[in-house]
């Protein structure tokens, strides 16, 4: 049981360290330049892949 607890603690610690590192080293997201999450029914033409065949 002690090994499982240690491994869980190690996992969450590593995850928190990774997220903190990523937060500090990544550039801020410019939401105005991001593509829409879902363009279905928005009037935007599809681009790329099999969707452009329509």
N, C-alpha and C. Protein backbone atom coordinates (compact mmCIF):
# COMPACT_ATOMS: atom_id res chain seq x y z
N UNK A 1 0.83 -1.20 0.00
CA UNK A 1 0.00 0.00 0.00
C UNK A 1 0.87 1.26 0.00
N UNK A 2 1.99 1.20 0.69
CA UNK A 2 2.88 2.36 0.77
C UNK A 2 3.47 2.69 -0.60
N UNK A 3 3.77 1.66 -1.40
CA UNK A 3 4.33 1.86 -2.73
C UNK A 3 3.32 2.56 -3.62
N UNK A 4 2.05 2.15 -3.53
CA UNK A 4 0.99 2.77 -4.35
C UNK A 4 0.84 4.24 -3.98
N UNK A 5 0.84 4.55 -2.72
CA UNK A 5 0.71 5.93 -2.27
C UNK A 5 1.89 6.77 -2.74
N UNK A 6 3.07 6.20 -2.66
CA UNK A 6 4.27 6.91 -3.11
C UNK A 6 4.21 7.17 -4.61
N UNK A 7 3.79 6.17 -5.37
CA UNK A 7 3.69 6.33 -6.82
C UNK A 7 2.64 7.37 -7.20
N UNK A 8 1.51 7.38 -6.51
CA UNK A 8 0.48 8.38 -6.78
C UNK A 8 0.99 9.78 -6.46
N UNK A 9 1.66 9.92 -5.35
CA UNK A 9 2.23 11.21 -4.97
C UNK A 9 3.26 11.67 -5.99
N UNK A 10 4.10 10.75 -6.43
CA UNK A 10 5.10 11.06 -7.44
C UNK A 10 4.46 11.47 -8.77
N UNK A 11 3.40 10.79 -9.16
CA UNK A 11 2.68 11.13 -10.39
C UNK A 11 2.11 12.54 -10.32
N UNK A 12 1.40 12.86 -9.25
CA UNK A 12 0.77 14.19 -9.14
C UNK A 12 1.82 15.29 -9.01
N UNK A 13 2.90 15.00 -8.34
CA UNK A 13 3.99 15.97 -8.23
C UNK A 13 4.62 16.23 -9.60
N UNK A 14 4.87 15.17 -10.36
CA UNK A 14 5.44 15.32 -11.70
C UNK A 14 4.48 16.08 -12.61
N UNK A 15 3.20 15.78 -12.51
CA UNK A 15 2.20 16.47 -13.33
C UNK A 15 2.14 17.96 -12.98
N UNK A 16 2.15 18.27 -11.71
CA UNK A 16 2.11 19.67 -11.27
C UNK A 16 3.37 20.41 -11.70
N UNK A 17 4.53 19.76 -11.61
CA UNK A 17 5.77 20.38 -12.05
C UNK A 17 5.76 20.62 -13.57
N UNK A 18 5.26 19.67 -14.32
CA UNK A 18 5.19 19.83 -15.77
C UNK A 18 4.24 20.97 -16.14
N UNK A 19 3.08 21.02 -15.52
CA UNK A 19 2.12 22.09 -15.84
C UNK A 19 2.68 23.46 -15.45
N UNK A 20 3.37 23.53 -14.33
CA UNK A 20 4.00 24.79 -13.92
C UNK A 20 5.08 25.21 -14.89
N UNK A 21 5.91 24.26 -15.32
CA UNK A 21 6.95 24.55 -16.30
C UNK A 21 6.34 25.02 -17.61
N UNK A 22 5.28 24.35 -18.06
CA UNK A 22 4.63 24.71 -19.31
C UNK A 22 4.01 26.10 -19.22
N UNK A 23 3.40 26.41 -18.09
CA UNK A 23 2.78 27.73 -17.88
C UNK A 23 3.83 28.84 -17.96
N UNK A 24 4.98 28.60 -17.37
CA UNK A 24 6.03 29.62 -17.33
C UNK A 24 6.76 29.77 -18.67
N UNK A 25 6.86 28.72 -19.46
CA UNK A 25 7.66 28.76 -20.67
C UNK A 25 6.87 28.93 -21.97
N UNK A 26 5.57 28.89 -21.92
CA UNK A 26 4.79 29.04 -23.15
C UNK A 26 4.33 30.49 -23.30
N UNK A 27 4.18 30.88 -24.55
CA UNK A 27 3.71 32.24 -24.83
C UNK A 27 2.20 32.31 -24.60
N UNK A 28 1.67 33.48 -24.28
CA UNK A 28 0.24 33.60 -24.05
C UNK A 28 -0.56 33.31 -25.33
N UNK A 29 -1.73 32.76 -25.16
CA UNK A 29 -2.58 32.42 -26.29
C UNK A 29 -3.36 33.67 -26.72
N UNK A 30 -3.26 33.99 -28.01
CA UNK A 30 -4.03 35.09 -28.57
C UNK A 30 -5.33 34.51 -29.10
N UNK A 31 -6.42 34.71 -28.37
CA UNK A 31 -7.69 34.10 -28.73
C UNK A 31 -8.23 34.62 -30.05
N UNK A 32 -7.82 35.79 -30.49
CA UNK A 32 -8.29 36.33 -31.75
C UNK A 32 -7.70 35.60 -32.95
N UNK A 33 -6.58 34.91 -32.77
CA UNK A 33 -5.94 34.19 -33.87
C UNK A 33 -6.27 32.70 -33.86
N UNK A 34 -6.96 32.23 -32.85
CA UNK A 34 -7.29 30.82 -32.76
C UNK A 34 -8.44 30.48 -33.71
N UNK A 35 -8.39 29.31 -34.36
CA UNK A 35 -9.51 28.90 -35.22
C UNK A 35 -10.72 28.53 -34.35
N UNK A 36 -11.91 28.59 -34.91
CA UNK A 36 -13.09 28.20 -34.14
C UNK A 36 -13.04 26.72 -33.76
N UNK A 37 -13.54 26.38 -32.59
CA UNK A 37 -13.54 24.99 -32.17
C UNK A 37 -14.43 24.14 -33.04
N UNK A 38 -15.59 24.67 -33.38
CA UNK A 38 -16.55 23.93 -34.18
C UNK A 38 -17.16 24.89 -35.19
N UNK A 39 -16.89 24.67 -36.46
CA UNK A 39 -17.36 25.59 -37.49
C UNK A 39 -18.64 25.10 -38.15
N UNK A 40 -19.26 24.06 -37.64
CA UNK A 40 -20.48 23.52 -38.25
C UNK A 40 -21.61 24.54 -38.16
N UNK A 41 -22.15 24.90 -39.30
CA UNK A 41 -23.27 25.83 -39.34
C UNK A 41 -22.88 27.27 -39.16
N UNK A 42 -21.59 27.59 -39.15
CA UNK A 42 -21.17 28.96 -38.93
C UNK A 42 -21.07 29.76 -40.22
N UNK A 43 -21.20 29.07 -41.36
CA UNK A 43 -21.08 29.75 -42.64
C UNK A 43 -19.66 29.77 -43.15
N UNK A 44 -18.70 29.29 -42.37
CA UNK A 44 -17.33 29.25 -42.81
C UNK A 44 -17.11 28.05 -43.71
N UNK A 45 -16.36 28.27 -44.78
CA UNK A 45 -16.08 27.17 -45.70
C UNK A 45 -15.10 26.20 -45.07
N UNK A 46 -15.31 24.89 -45.23
CA UNK A 46 -14.35 23.93 -44.70
C UNK A 46 -13.05 23.99 -45.48
N UNK A 47 -11.95 23.66 -44.82
CA UNK A 47 -10.66 23.67 -45.50
C UNK A 47 -9.85 22.45 -45.10
N UNK A 48 -9.21 21.83 -46.05
CA UNK A 48 -8.34 20.70 -45.80
C UNK A 48 -9.07 19.41 -45.58
N UNK A 49 -8.37 18.31 -45.78
CA UNK A 49 -8.92 16.99 -45.52
C UNK A 49 -10.09 16.65 -46.41
N UNK A 50 -10.87 15.67 -46.01
CA UNK A 50 -12.01 15.22 -46.82
C UNK A 50 -13.18 16.21 -46.78
N UNK A 51 -13.20 17.10 -45.82
CA UNK A 51 -14.29 18.06 -45.72
C UNK A 51 -14.28 19.06 -46.88
N UNK A 52 -13.14 19.26 -47.49
CA UNK A 52 -13.06 20.25 -48.58
C UNK A 52 -13.67 19.72 -49.87
N UNK A 53 -14.02 18.46 -49.90
CA UNK A 53 -14.60 17.87 -51.10
C UNK A 53 -16.06 18.26 -51.27
N UNK A 54 -16.70 18.78 -50.27
CA UNK A 54 -18.13 19.10 -50.34
C UNK A 54 -18.40 20.39 -51.06
